[in-house]
C-alpha cells in the first residue's frame, strides 16, 4: 500500500504524540505517588511531634540536658554502689595446689577451734570440721578445678566464725556450704546477648555474670545479747552478706522446769479436791476452812533469772555475693586472715 506524503507525516506526528502521552502519564503517576508518600510521612511526623509535645517531658534543650545529667548521675551512683558492694569480694589465688590448700584448711580450722566460747572455753566441740569434713578431719584432697570455689567458701566460713566468736556466742553447732544458685546475668546483659544473637555477630563477647553467690547453713547457740550482736555484725559486714532466714528458740523452758509436771498435776488434784472439802465443812456447820495461826501462806511464785536461762538455738541461712570487681585487700587491713595470724603465732611459739 502506497502512502502519501501527508499520511506519513500524520502517522509520525501520531506516534510522537502517543509516546509523549505515555511519558506524561508516567510522570503524572510518579508525582501522584510521591505526593501520597509525602503526605503519609507528613502525617506520621506530625503525629510524632504531637505526641512529643503532649509528653510529660517536653522536647527542648533543657529537657535534653536534664536527661543527660540524670544519666550521668545514675552511672556514677551505679559505679559507687558496685564499688561499695564489691569491697569485700574474695580474691582467688591461682597458684594454690591441692595439698597446700588442704594444709591451709587444717591449720586455720585448728586456730578457729581455739576461739573462745562456752564449750569448755572453746567455740566448738573437738574435731569440728567447719563444713569440710573430707579435708579438715579426713584424708581427701580437693579437686583442682574446684579450688576457686572452695577458696571463696572457706574464706566466707572463716569470716562468719570469727564474727560469731567476736559477738560472744556460746557454741557453733553446725556450719556448712549449701547449694547456691548459678551465676546470673543482669537484665541489660541478657538483652544485649539476645540482640547479639539476633544480629549473628561473630565477634560477640561472652556475657559476664553480674555476681556469683554462695550459701551457708549455720546453727549456733547464743544468749539474747549475743544474738543481737550477731545480726548487727552481719548487717554491717564489709563482705556483701545477706541473712536469708533466721529462726531461734529456747532449748529449754526455765519456768516450766521450775514448776515441773509433777507439781502441776498435784496442784490440779489439790484444786479439784478443795470444793468437796469445803462443801463437807459447810454441811457440818464449820464454815470455810482457815489456815492455822502462825502458818505461812504458800508461795506459788517462780523466780526467773534471765542470766541463767538456756541460750537460744539459732538456725540461719546466709548468702554471700561476689561482683568480680575487687582485686586486692582493702588498704590498711592485713591480707592475712585473723585465723592465719593465730596459726603463725603458734608456730613461732613452737619454734
Protein backbone atom coordinates (compact mmCIF):
# COMPACT_ATOMS: atom_id res chain seq x y z
CA UNK A 1 0.00 0.00 0.00
CA UNK A 2 1.37 3.34 -1.10
CA UNK A 3 1.06 6.16 1.44
CA UNK A 4 1.08 9.70 0.51
CA UNK A 5 3.48 12.17 1.97
CA UNK A 6 0.80 13.75 4.11
CA UNK A 7 -0.25 10.41 5.53
CA UNK A 8 3.34 9.60 6.50
CA UNK A 9 3.65 12.92 8.31
CA UNK A 10 0.39 12.37 10.18
CA UNK A 11 1.45 8.90 11.28
CA UNK A 12 4.77 10.23 12.56
CA UNK A 13 3.02 13.00 14.45
CA UNK A 14 0.59 10.49 15.96
CA UNK A 15 3.42 8.20 17.10
CA UNK A 16 5.28 11.06 18.73
CA UNK A 17 2.08 12.20 20.43
CA UNK A 18 1.48 8.68 21.74
CA UNK A 19 4.99 8.43 23.22
CA UNK A 20 4.67 11.89 24.72
CA UNK A 21 1.34 10.91 26.29
CA UNK A 22 2.88 7.78 27.80
CA UNK A 23 5.77 9.79 29.25
CA UNK A 24 3.42 12.40 30.63
CA UNK A 25 1.26 9.68 32.17
CA UNK A 26 4.30 8.08 33.83
CA UNK A 27 5.41 11.42 35.27
CA UNK A 28 1.91 12.16 36.50
CA UNK A 29 1.68 8.76 38.21
CA UNK A 30 5.13 9.23 39.80
CA UNK A 31 4.20 12.68 41.02
CA UNK A 32 0.95 11.37 42.48
CA UNK A 33 2.79 8.51 44.26
CA UNK A 34 5.45 10.87 45.62
CA UNK A 35 2.72 13.19 46.85
CA UNK A 36 0.95 10.34 48.62
CA UNK A 37 4.18 9.19 50.25
CA UNK A 38 4.97 12.75 51.31
CA UNK A 39 1.50 13.13 52.79
CA UNK A 40 1.88 9.86 54.73
CA UNK A 41 5.31 10.91 56.01
CA UNK A 42 3.94 14.31 56.97
CA UNK A 43 1.08 12.74 58.89
CA UNK A 44 3.46 10.36 60.66
CA UNK A 45 5.90 13.13 61.59
CA UNK A 46 3.03 15.36 62.71
CA UNK A 47 1.71 12.59 64.97
CA UNK A 48 5.17 12.09 66.44
CA UNK A 49 5.53 15.83 67.07
CA UNK A 50 2.10 16.00 68.68
CA UNK A 51 2.99 13.02 70.92
CA UNK A 52 6.25 14.66 71.96
CA UNK A 53 4.55 17.97 72.65
CA UNK A 54 1.95 16.22 74.79
CA UNK A 55 4.50 14.15 76.75
CA UNK A 56 5.41 14.81 80.37
CA UNK A 57 8.92 15.87 79.29
CA UNK A 58 8.94 18.47 76.57
CA UNK A 59 11.50 18.00 73.74
CA UNK A 60 13.55 21.10 74.35
CA UNK A 61 17.19 21.81 75.16
CA UNK A 62 16.57 21.99 78.91
CA UNK A 63 14.93 18.57 78.95
CA UNK A 64 17.74 17.07 76.88
CA UNK A 65 20.31 18.47 79.29
CA UNK A 66 18.36 17.19 82.29
CA UNK A 67 18.18 13.68 80.80
CA UNK A 68 21.91 13.67 80.13
CA UNK A 69 22.65 14.90 83.66
CA UNK A 70 20.39 12.26 85.18
CA UNK A 71 22.04 9.56 83.08
CA UNK A 72 25.47 10.68 84.26
CA UNK A 73 24.30 10.75 87.89
CA UNK A 74 22.82 7.27 87.57
CA UNK A 75 26.03 5.94 86.05
CA UNK A 76 28.04 7.48 88.89
CA UNK A 77 25.71 6.06 91.52
CA UNK A 78 25.86 2.61 89.92
CA UNK A 79 29.65 2.68 89.87
CA UNK A 80 29.80 3.80 93.51
CA UNK A 81 27.27 1.18 94.59
CA UNK A 82 29.16 -1.62 92.84
CA UNK A 83 32.43 -0.39 94.32
CA UNK A 84 30.94 -0.46 97.82
CA UNK A 85 29.26 -3.83 97.32
CA UNK A 86 32.40 -5.43 95.89
CA UNK A 87 34.74 -4.12 98.61
CA UNK A 88 34.54 -7.47 100.36
CA UNK A 89 34.95 -9.64 97.25
CA UNK A 90 37.19 -12.66 97.67
CA UNK A 91 40.47 -12.74 95.80
CA UNK A 92 41.11 -16.24 94.48
CA UNK A 93 44.74 -17.32 94.37
CA UNK A 94 45.58 -19.08 91.12
CA UNK A 95 48.85 -20.68 92.25
CA UNK A 96 47.42 -22.77 95.13
CA UNK A 97 47.69 -26.54 94.71
CA UNK A 98 45.52 -29.20 96.29
CA UNK A 99 47.89 -30.26 99.05
CA UNK A 100 48.69 -26.67 100.07
CA UNK A 101 45.01 -25.77 100.27
CA UNK A 102 44.21 -28.83 102.40
CA UNK A 103 47.04 -27.93 104.79
CA UNK A 104 45.76 -24.39 104.98
CA UNK A 105 42.29 -25.68 105.92
CA UNK A 106 43.73 -27.92 108.65
CA UNK A 107 45.87 -25.16 110.16
CA UNK A 108 43.16 -22.49 110.10
CA UNK A 109 40.49 -24.90 111.37
CA UNK A 110 42.74 -25.65 114.35
CA UNK A 111 43.06 -21.91 115.00
CA UNK A 112 39.31 -21.36 114.66
CA UNK A 113 38.66 -24.21 117.10
CA UNK A 114 40.68 -22.32 119.71
CA UNK A 115 38.41 -19.25 119.61
CA UNK A 116 36.66 -18.59 122.94
CA UNK A 117 33.19 -19.95 123.59
CA UNK A 118 31.06 -21.93 126.01
CA UNK A 119 32.26 -25.48 125.22
CA UNK A 120 34.99 -25.91 127.83
CA UNK A 121 36.15 -22.43 126.91
CA UNK A 122 36.06 -23.06 123.15
CA UNK A 123 33.55 -22.08 120.50
CA UNK A 124 33.20 -25.59 119.03
CA UNK A 125 33.49 -29.16 120.20
CA UNK A 126 36.68 -31.15 119.48
CA UNK A 127 37.23 -32.34 115.89
CA UNK A 128 34.77 -29.80 114.48
CA UNK A 129 35.16 -29.82 110.67
CA UNK A 130 33.67 -26.37 109.83
CA UNK A 131 31.73 -27.79 106.89
CA UNK A 132 34.71 -29.55 105.25
CA UNK A 133 34.96 -32.97 106.92
CA UNK A 134 36.70 -34.55 103.91
CA UNK A 135 39.57 -32.08 104.07
CA UNK A 136 39.78 -30.89 107.69
CA UNK A 137 39.31 -34.16 109.56
CA UNK A 138 39.51 -36.56 106.59
CA UNK A 139 42.34 -37.58 104.29
CA UNK A 140 40.93 -36.48 100.94
CA UNK A 141 42.43 -33.84 98.66
CA UNK A 142 40.21 -31.25 96.96
CA UNK A 143 39.72 -31.38 93.21
CA UNK A 144 41.85 -28.87 91.35
CA UNK A 145 39.00 -27.47 89.25
CA UNK A 146 37.01 -26.75 92.44
CA UNK A 147 39.78 -24.84 94.21
CA UNK A 148 38.50 -21.35 93.26
CA UNK A 149 35.04 -22.06 94.70
CA UNK A 150 36.49 -23.82 97.76
CA UNK A 151 38.73 -20.83 98.47
CA UNK A 152 35.73 -18.48 98.46
CA UNK A 153 33.67 -20.84 100.63
CA UNK A 154 36.41 -21.32 103.19
CA UNK A 155 37.12 -17.60 103.39
CA UNK A 156 33.40 -16.95 103.99
CA UNK A 157 33.16 -19.62 106.69
CA UNK A 158 36.24 -18.24 108.41
CA UNK A 159 34.74 -14.73 108.34
CA UNK A 160 31.43 -15.94 109.79
CA UNK A 161 33.09 -17.99 112.54
CA UNK A 162 35.31 -15.11 113.62
CA UNK A 163 32.31 -12.76 113.65
CA UNK A 164 30.33 -15.20 115.82
CA UNK A 165 33.25 -15.50 118.23
CA UNK A 166 33.60 -11.72 118.46
CA UNK A 167 29.89 -11.47 119.31
CA UNK A 168 30.32 -13.85 122.26
CA UNK A 169 28.10 -16.76 121.24
CA UNK A 170 28.14 -19.99 123.25
CA UNK A 171 28.76 -22.59 120.56
CA UNK A 172 28.73 -23.20 116.83
CA UNK A 173 26.79 -26.41 116.30
CA UNK A 174 26.94 -26.57 112.50
CA UNK A 175 28.23 -24.50 109.61
CA UNK A 176 28.48 -25.75 106.05
CA UNK A 177 28.07 -24.61 102.45
CA UNK A 178 24.79 -25.40 100.73
CA UNK A 179 23.85 -25.43 97.08
CA UNK A 180 23.72 -21.92 95.65
CA UNK A 181 22.11 -20.55 92.51
CA UNK A 182 24.08 -20.46 89.31
CA UNK A 183 25.61 -17.07 88.40
CA UNK A 184 23.01 -14.80 86.86
CA UNK A 185 23.32 -12.02 84.32
CA UNK A 186 21.62 -8.68 84.71
CA UNK A 187 18.61 -7.76 82.56
CA UNK A 188 20.71 -5.38 80.43
CA UNK A 189 23.26 -8.12 79.80
CA UNK A 190 20.52 -10.58 78.86
CA UNK A 191 19.06 -8.08 76.38
CA UNK A 192 22.48 -7.41 74.91
CA UNK A 193 23.08 -11.12 74.49
CA UNK A 194 19.72 -11.58 72.73
CA UNK A 195 20.44 -8.71 70.36
CA UNK A 196 23.84 -10.11 69.52
CA UNK A 197 22.32 -13.49 68.73
CA UNK A 198 19.71 -11.91 66.50
CA UNK A 199 22.34 -9.95 64.60
CA UNK A 200 24.56 -13.06 64.45
CA UNK A 201 27.66 -11.11 65.32
CA UNK A 202 30.70 -13.37 65.20
CA UNK A 203 32.70 -11.09 67.48
CA UNK A 204 30.11 -11.05 70.29
CA UNK A 205 31.73 -11.25 73.73
CA UNK A 206 30.63 -13.77 76.32
CA UNK A 207 28.13 -12.33 78.80
CA UNK A 208 29.78 -11.93 82.20
CA UNK A 209 27.66 -12.87 85.23
CA UNK A 210 26.53 -9.92 87.33
CA UNK A 211 27.54 -11.80 90.50
CA UNK A 212 28.37 -15.19 91.98
CA UNK A 213 26.54 -16.45 95.06
CA UNK A 214 27.36 -18.90 97.84
CA UNK A 215 25.01 -20.01 100.63
CA UNK A 216 25.75 -21.37 104.09
CA UNK A 217 23.66 -23.07 106.77
CA UNK A 218 24.60 -22.10 110.32
CA UNK A 219 23.36 -23.47 113.64
CA UNK A 220 24.67 -21.91 116.84
CA UNK A 221 23.74 -21.32 120.46
CA UNK A 222 23.72 -17.77 121.79
CA UNK A 223 22.33 -15.62 124.57
CA UNK A 224 19.91 -12.84 123.54
CA UNK A 225 22.52 -10.08 123.73
CA UNK A 226 24.97 -12.09 121.65
CA UNK A 227 22.27 -12.86 119.07
CA UNK A 228 21.57 -9.14 118.64
CA UNK A 229 25.31 -8.54 118.13
CA UNK A 230 25.43 -11.29 115.50
CA UNK A 231 22.59 -9.76 113.48
CA UNK A 232 24.23 -6.33 113.63
CA UNK A 233 27.61 -7.78 112.68
CA UNK A 234 26.15 -9.49 109.62
CA UNK A 235 24.28 -6.33 108.60
CA UNK A 236 27.39 -4.12 108.83
CA UNK A 237 29.92 -6.58 107.46
CA UNK A 238 32.14 -5.32 104.67
CA UNK A 239 31.52 -8.62 102.95
CA UNK A 240 28.28 -8.43 100.94
CA UNK A 241 26.31 -10.82 103.13
CA UNK A 242 22.54 -11.35 103.24
CA UNK A 243 20.72 -13.18 106.05
CA UNK A 244 18.04 -15.06 104.12
CA UNK A 245 16.45 -16.92 107.06
CA UNK A 246 16.83 -16.62 110.82
CA UNK A 247 14.97 -18.87 113.28
CA UNK A 248 15.65 -19.15 117.00
CA UNK A 249 14.03 -20.76 120.03
CA UNK A 250 14.89 -21.63 123.62
CA UNK A 251 16.46 -25.02 124.12
CA UNK A 252 14.59 -25.32 127.41
CA UNK A 253 11.90 -23.57 129.45
CA UNK A 254 13.28 -22.38 132.79
CA UNK A 255 9.82 -21.61 134.22
CA UNK A 256 8.48 -24.97 133.05
CA UNK A 257 11.40 -26.73 134.70
CA UNK A 258 10.82 -24.79 137.93
CA UNK A 259 7.13 -25.73 138.01
CA UNK A 260 7.60 -29.32 136.95
CA UNK A 261 4.96 -31.62 135.52
CA UNK A 262 4.51 -33.45 138.84
CA UNK A 263 3.84 -30.22 140.71
CA UNK A 264 1.29 -29.22 138.05
CA UNK A 265 -0.61 -32.50 138.46
CA UNK A 266 -0.51 -32.22 142.28
CA UNK A 267 -1.77 -28.66 142.15
CA UNK A 268 -4.58 -29.70 139.81
CA UNK A 269 -5.63 -32.57 142.12
CA UNK A 270 -5.48 -30.27 145.14
CA UNK A 271 -7.69 -27.69 143.44
CA UNK A 272 -10.19 -30.34 142.39
CA UNK A 273 -10.43 -31.69 145.99
CA UNK A 274 -10.89 -28.32 147.70
CA UNK A 275 -14.56 -27.78 146.72
CA UNK A 276 -15.54 -31.17 148.09
CA UNK A 277 -13.82 -30.45 151.43
CA UNK A 278 -15.44 -27.01 151.53
CA UNK A 279 -18.89 -28.43 150.92
CA UNK A 280 -18.44 -31.08 153.63
CA UNK A 281 -17.28 -28.41 156.08
CA UNK A 282 -20.22 -26.16 155.27
CA UNK A 283 -22.64 -29.03 155.73
CA UNK A 284 -21.17 -29.73 159.19
CA UNK A 285 -21.60 -26.04 160.09
CA UNK A 286 -17.93 -25.20 160.39
CA UNK A 287 -17.83 -22.67 157.54
CA UNK A 288 -14.78 -22.14 155.29
CA UNK A 289 -11.54 -23.78 156.39
CA UNK A 290 -8.88 -21.28 157.50
CA UNK A 291 -5.11 -21.74 157.81
CA UNK A 292 -3.73 -22.22 161.31
CA UNK A 293 -2.39 -19.18 163.09
CA UNK A 294 1.32 -18.64 162.54
CA UNK A 295 1.39 -20.78 159.36
CA UNK A 296 2.92 -19.12 156.30
CA UNK A 297 0.91 -18.66 153.16
CA UNK A 298 2.17 -20.99 150.39
CA UNK A 299 4.36 -19.21 147.85
CA UNK A 300 3.35 -20.26 144.36
CA UNK A 301 5.59 -17.71 142.54
CA UNK A 302 8.54 -18.69 140.39
CA UNK A 303 11.74 -16.67 140.36
CA UNK A 304 13.21 -16.40 136.84
CA UNK A 305 16.79 -15.21 136.35
CA UNK A 306 17.42 -14.28 132.68
CA UNK A 307 21.15 -14.76 133.19
CA UNK A 308 20.52 -18.42 133.98
CA UNK A 309 18.18 -19.02 131.07
CA UNK A 310 19.26 -21.52 128.43
CA UNK A 311 20.65 -19.85 125.27
CA UNK A 312 18.75 -19.65 122.04
CA UNK A 313 19.33 -22.36 119.45
CA UNK A 314 19.64 -20.33 116.24
CA UNK A 315 19.37 -21.56 112.66
CA UNK A 316 20.35 -19.16 109.90
CA UNK A 317 20.95 -19.29 106.16
CA UNK A 318 23.27 -16.59 104.86
CA UNK A 319 24.29 -15.82 101.29
CA UNK A 320 27.45 -14.05 100.13
CA UNK A 321 27.91 -12.30 96.80
CA UNK A 322 30.99 -11.60 94.69
CA UNK A 323 30.77 -8.98 91.97
CA UNK A 324 34.22 -9.60 90.49
CA UNK A 325 35.49 -6.05 90.92
CA UNK A 326 37.84 -6.39 93.89
CA UNK A 327 41.46 -7.16 93.01
CA UNK A 328 43.33 -6.70 96.28
CA UNK A 329 42.73 -6.39 100.05
CA UNK A 330 41.36 -3.14 101.39
CA UNK A 331 44.05 -0.60 102.18
CA UNK A 332 45.00 -0.50 105.84
CA UNK A 333 43.88 -4.08 106.51
CA UNK A 334 46.08 -7.12 106.65
CA UNK A 335 45.66 -9.53 103.76
CA UNK A 336 46.35 -12.38 106.20
CA UNK A 337 43.18 -13.56 107.99
CA UNK A 338 42.91 -13.49 111.76
CA UNK A 339 42.90 -17.28 111.99
CA UNK A 340 46.07 -17.48 109.90
CA UNK A 341 47.74 -15.00 112.25
CA UNK A 342 46.90 -17.25 115.19
CA UNK A 343 48.46 -20.22 113.40
CA UNK A 344 51.54 -18.15 112.60
CA UNK A 345 51.90 -17.12 116.25
CA UNK A 346 51.51 -20.73 117.40
CA UNK A 347 54.24 -21.87 115.00
CA UNK A 348 56.53 -19.11 116.24
CA UNK A 349 55.90 -20.19 119.84
CA UNK A 350 56.70 -23.80 118.98
CA UNK A 351 59.99 -22.75 117.38
